Protein backbone atom coordinates (compact mmCIF):
# COMPACT_ATOMS: atom_id res chain seq x y z
CA MET A 1 -26.43 20.22 3.24
CA SER A 2 -23.57 18.08 4.36
CA GLU A 3 -22.23 14.74 2.99
CA ILE A 4 -23.43 13.40 6.44
CA GLU A 5 -27.17 14.78 5.86
CA GLN A 6 -27.31 13.48 2.24
CA VAL A 7 -26.40 9.81 3.32
CA THR A 8 -28.78 10.03 6.26
CA ASN A 9 -31.57 11.32 4.35
CA ALA A 10 -31.32 8.74 1.63
CA ILE A 11 -31.45 6.28 4.06
CA PHE A 12 -33.68 7.16 6.92
CA GLY A 13 -35.90 9.83 4.75
CA ASP A 14 -37.68 12.18 6.57
CA THR A 15 -36.60 10.89 10.18
CA PRO A 16 -35.35 13.89 12.32
CA LEU A 17 -31.83 13.66 12.90
CA ARG A 18 -29.99 16.26 14.86
CA THR A 19 -26.57 16.96 13.16
CA GLY A 20 -23.71 19.33 13.56
CA TYR A 21 -20.05 19.44 12.76
CA SER A 22 -17.21 19.35 15.60
CA HIS A 23 -14.43 21.88 15.16
CA ASP A 24 -12.36 19.87 17.74
CA VAL A 25 -12.64 16.46 16.19
CA GLU A 26 -12.76 18.18 12.66
CA ALA A 27 -15.73 16.00 11.52
CA SER A 28 -19.66 15.87 11.40
CA TYR A 29 -21.48 14.10 13.68
CA VAL A 30 -25.18 12.67 14.45
CA VAL A 31 -26.73 12.70 17.87
CA ALA A 32 -26.31 8.93 19.09
CA ALA A 33 -29.91 8.58 20.42
CA ASP A 34 -31.67 10.21 17.44
CA LEU A 35 -29.66 7.53 15.08
CA LYS A 36 -30.26 4.67 17.30
CA GLY A 37 -34.04 5.59 16.95
CA ALA A 38 -33.41 5.95 13.23
CA MET A 39 -32.21 2.43 13.23
CA LYS A 40 -34.84 0.98 15.46
CA HIS A 41 -31.83 -0.44 17.52
CA GLY A 42 -33.65 -1.88 20.72
CA ALA A 43 -31.05 -2.21 22.81
CA SER A 44 -29.69 -0.04 25.16
CA MET A 45 -27.26 3.22 24.12
CA ASN A 46 -24.31 1.52 25.51
CA SER A 47 -25.10 -1.73 23.40
CA PHE A 48 -25.24 0.56 20.33
CA LEU A 49 -22.23 2.39 21.22
CA ARG A 50 -20.08 -0.44 22.36
CA GLY A 51 -18.74 -1.75 18.86
CA LEU A 52 -17.97 1.89 17.85
CA GLU A 53 -16.23 2.39 21.10
CA LYS A 54 -14.30 -0.65 20.46
CA ALA A 55 -13.07 0.27 17.11
CA GLN A 56 -11.96 3.53 18.45
CA GLU A 57 -10.02 1.80 21.12
CA ASP A 58 -8.38 -0.35 18.39
CA ALA A 59 -7.49 2.84 16.49
CA GLY A 60 -5.39 4.10 19.50
CA GLN A 61 -7.69 6.78 20.78
CA ALA A 62 -8.71 7.39 24.08
CA LYS A 63 -12.56 6.20 25.07
CA GLY A 64 -15.06 9.17 24.19
CA ASN A 65 -12.21 11.80 24.02
CA SER A 66 -12.53 14.62 21.70
CA ILE A 67 -9.20 15.01 20.27
CA ARG A 68 -8.29 15.48 16.37
CA GLY A 69 -8.42 12.65 14.63
CA ALA A 70 -10.85 10.17 13.13
CA LEU A 71 -13.17 9.42 16.11
CA TYR A 72 -16.31 7.37 16.11
CA VAL A 73 -18.15 8.36 18.77
CA GLY A 74 -17.75 11.06 21.40
CA THR A 75 -19.52 13.82 23.39
CA GLU A 76 -20.52 17.34 22.17
CA THR A 77 -22.72 20.17 23.49
CA ILE A 78 -26.61 19.81 22.00
CA GLN A 79 -28.92 22.61 22.03
CA THR A 80 -32.12 21.09 23.42
CA ALA A 81 -35.32 22.47 24.39
CA GLY A 82 -34.21 22.36 28.31
CA GLY A 83 -30.82 24.48 27.03
CA PRO A 84 -27.22 23.08 25.96
CA GLN A 85 -26.53 19.32 27.27
CA GLN A 86 -23.83 17.34 26.76
CA MET A 87 -25.34 14.31 24.53
CA LYS A 88 -23.53 11.46 23.18
CA VAL A 89 -22.81 11.61 19.25
CA VAL A 90 -21.73 9.65 16.43
CA TYR A 91 -18.77 10.93 14.25
CA LYS A 92 -18.96 10.62 10.32
CA ARG A 93 -16.76 7.46 10.79
CA GLY A 94 -18.82 5.95 12.93
CA VAL A 95 -22.11 6.71 11.13
CA PHE A 96 -20.52 4.87 8.01
CA GLN A 97 -19.61 2.18 9.89
CA LEU A 98 -22.87 1.51 11.56
CA LEU A 99 -24.62 2.06 7.92
CA MET A 100 -21.94 -0.67 6.57
CA LEU A 101 -23.68 -3.16 9.21
CA SER A 102 -27.29 -2.02 8.81
CA ARG A 103 -29.65 -4.44 7.40
CA LYS A 104 -32.05 -1.68 6.08
CA PRO A 105 -32.54 -2.05 2.47
CA GLU A 106 -31.47 1.37 1.73
CA ALA A 107 -28.22 0.86 3.61
CA THR A 108 -27.69 -2.06 1.49
CA HIS A 109 -27.99 -0.18 -1.24
CA TYR A 110 -25.38 2.34 0.15
CA ARG A 111 -23.36 -0.41 0.91
CA ASP A 112 -23.45 -1.63 -2.41
CA GLY A 113 -22.86 1.85 -4.04
CA VAL A 114 -19.52 1.81 -1.46
CA PHE A 115 -18.41 -1.41 -3.03
CA ASP A 116 -18.85 -0.26 -6.45
CA ILE A 117 -16.74 2.97 -5.79
CA LEU A 118 -13.77 0.61 -4.28
CA GLU A 119 -13.89 -1.52 -7.07
CA GLN A 120 -13.78 1.57 -9.59
CA ILE A 121 -10.64 2.89 -7.42
CA GLU A 122 -9.03 -0.54 -7.69
CA ARG A 123 -10.08 -0.76 -11.57
CA GLU A 124 -8.99 2.82 -12.49
CA GLY A 125 -6.88 3.77 -9.97
CA GLY A 126 -9.62 7.03 -8.40
CA TYR A 127 -13.25 8.00 -8.47
CA ILE A 128 -15.04 11.20 -9.51
CA SER A 129 -18.50 11.85 -8.00
CA GLU A 130 -21.03 13.11 -10.38
CA GLY A 131 -21.42 16.20 -8.26
CA ALA A 132 -17.59 16.99 -8.48
CA SER A 133 -16.45 20.31 -9.31
CA PRO A 134 -14.29 21.24 -12.19
CA GLU A 135 -11.28 21.99 -9.45
CA GLN A 136 -11.84 18.54 -7.93
CA VAL A 137 -11.75 17.03 -11.46
CA GLN A 138 -8.43 18.63 -12.38
CA ALA A 139 -6.63 17.90 -9.11
CA LEU A 140 -7.69 14.46 -9.44
CA HIS A 141 -6.17 14.59 -13.29
CA GLU A 142 -3.13 16.09 -11.50
CA ALA A 143 -2.79 13.38 -9.18
CA TYR A 144 -3.52 10.63 -11.81
CA GLN A 145 -0.38 12.18 -13.62
CA ASN A 146 1.76 12.39 -10.80
CA ARG A 147 1.09 8.71 -9.99
CA ILE A 148 1.87 7.37 -13.73
CA GLU A 149 4.92 9.74 -14.02
CA GLY A 150 6.10 8.25 -10.56
CA ILE A 151 5.15 4.42 -11.96
CA VAL A 152 7.10 5.32 -15.25
CA ALA A 153 9.92 6.52 -13.23
CA GLY A 154 10.03 3.54 -11.03
CA ALA A 155 9.94 1.19 -13.90
CA GLN A 156 13.04 3.02 -15.62
CA ARG A 157 15.02 2.59 -12.25
CA ILE A 158 14.50 -1.03 -11.95
CA GLN A 159 15.05 -1.45 -15.70
CA ASP A 160 18.54 0.70 -15.44
CA ARG A 161 19.30 -1.20 -12.57
CA THR A 162 18.43 -4.71 -14.28
CA ASP A 163 20.79 -3.65 -16.89
CA ARG A 164 23.72 -2.88 -14.83
CA GLU A 165 23.27 -6.22 -13.36
CA VAL A 166 23.04 -7.85 -16.51
CA LYS A 167 26.21 -6.33 -17.74
CA LEU A 168 27.86 -7.01 -14.53
CA GLN A 169 27.21 -10.50 -15.11
CA LEU A 170 27.87 -10.68 -18.85
CA ASP A 171 31.38 -8.87 -17.85
CA SER A 172 32.47 -11.04 -15.19
CA GLU A 173 31.43 -14.35 -17.48
CA ARG A 174 33.50 -12.89 -20.20
CA ASP A 175 36.71 -12.25 -17.91
CA LYS A 176 36.41 -15.85 -16.56
CA ARG A 177 36.39 -17.05 -20.44
CA GLU A 178 39.41 -15.21 -21.32
CA GLU A 179 41.17 -16.23 -18.07
CA THR A 180 40.44 -19.81 -18.86
CA GLN A 181 41.17 -19.25 -22.84
CA TYR A 182 44.57 -17.67 -21.38
CA GLN A 183 45.53 -20.64 -18.85
CA LEU A 184 44.51 -22.94 -21.83
CA HIS A 185 47.18 -21.11 -24.04
CA LEU A 186 49.72 -21.27 -21.13
CA TYR A 187 49.38 -24.70 -20.87
CA GLN A 188 49.51 -25.58 -24.51
CA ALA A 189 52.84 -23.75 -24.93
CA TYR A 190 54.35 -25.49 -21.68
CA VAL A 191 53.30 -28.93 -23.44
CA LYS A 192 54.67 -27.83 -26.90
CA TYR A 193 57.79 -26.59 -24.97
CA LEU A 194 58.28 -30.02 -23.41
CA ARG A 195 57.96 -31.77 -26.29
CA GLY A 196 60.48 -30.01 -28.09
CA TYR A 197 63.00 -30.31 -25.31
CA ALA A 198 62.27 -34.32 -25.19
CA ASP A 199 62.97 -34.26 -28.71
CA LEU A 200 66.23 -32.18 -28.68
CA ASN A 201 67.62 -34.55 -25.66
CA GLY A 202 66.28 -37.87 -27.02
CA THR A 203 64.10 -38.36 -24.08
CA THR A 204 60.77 -40.23 -24.80
CA ARG A 205 57.92 -37.86 -24.36
CA GLY A 206 55.78 -40.11 -22.13
CA SER A 207 58.42 -40.56 -19.41
CA LEU A 208 59.29 -37.13 -18.89
CA SER A 209 57.71 -35.36 -16.06
CA VAL A 210 57.50 -32.11 -14.86
CA PRO A 211 60.16 -32.33 -11.70
CA GLN A 212 62.53 -34.44 -14.33
CA PHE A 213 62.03 -31.17 -16.66
CA ARG A 214 62.79 -28.48 -13.88
CA LYS A 215 65.95 -30.86 -12.62
CA GLU A 216 67.38 -31.44 -16.10
CA ARG A 217 67.18 -27.52 -16.90
CA PHE A 218 68.62 -26.40 -13.79
CA ASP A 219 71.33 -28.95 -14.12
């Protein structure tokens, strides 16, 4: 039993629904007329499918066109008592969207289950169904491990970049301090030299300016 059959059986019980799989679209489907009847949708078929067709257009896909991708609604050849006929179908994605909007109690239970799964994925990073095979569990475990390793590697790259930036900043500040100290030492030596020159020549320290010093030195 396909996944779409399991879901529709759980919600609609024994209501007969014609289902199939489209190799062109690569998705399972339910005949639109059957799904409309099961959901007790009283409006026309066009009204029933309008929302799905709009969603399909919003997804950038041509209306009712059987192309590879996640279609919501389309046309498939269905075997009937009168022979094969082209009929409107709702693909898997469209079925799930309709069930998310349905007011049936069973659909509400299904919707809550979907929300529970989404919350678990958000909280734990993934979801493993009860019927998952050992291969599926192993594949998910490997995906988790790869994701964790990627996060750790990314965090290490950020840390390394931060360390380099901090070191460059500290080195720049140290260079500035050393340059300031060097200039201060030069200034102090210059002042000391001026004072010694003033003492030797009997010049009052306060009256000796830099231009005077330079003029007297080179005269």
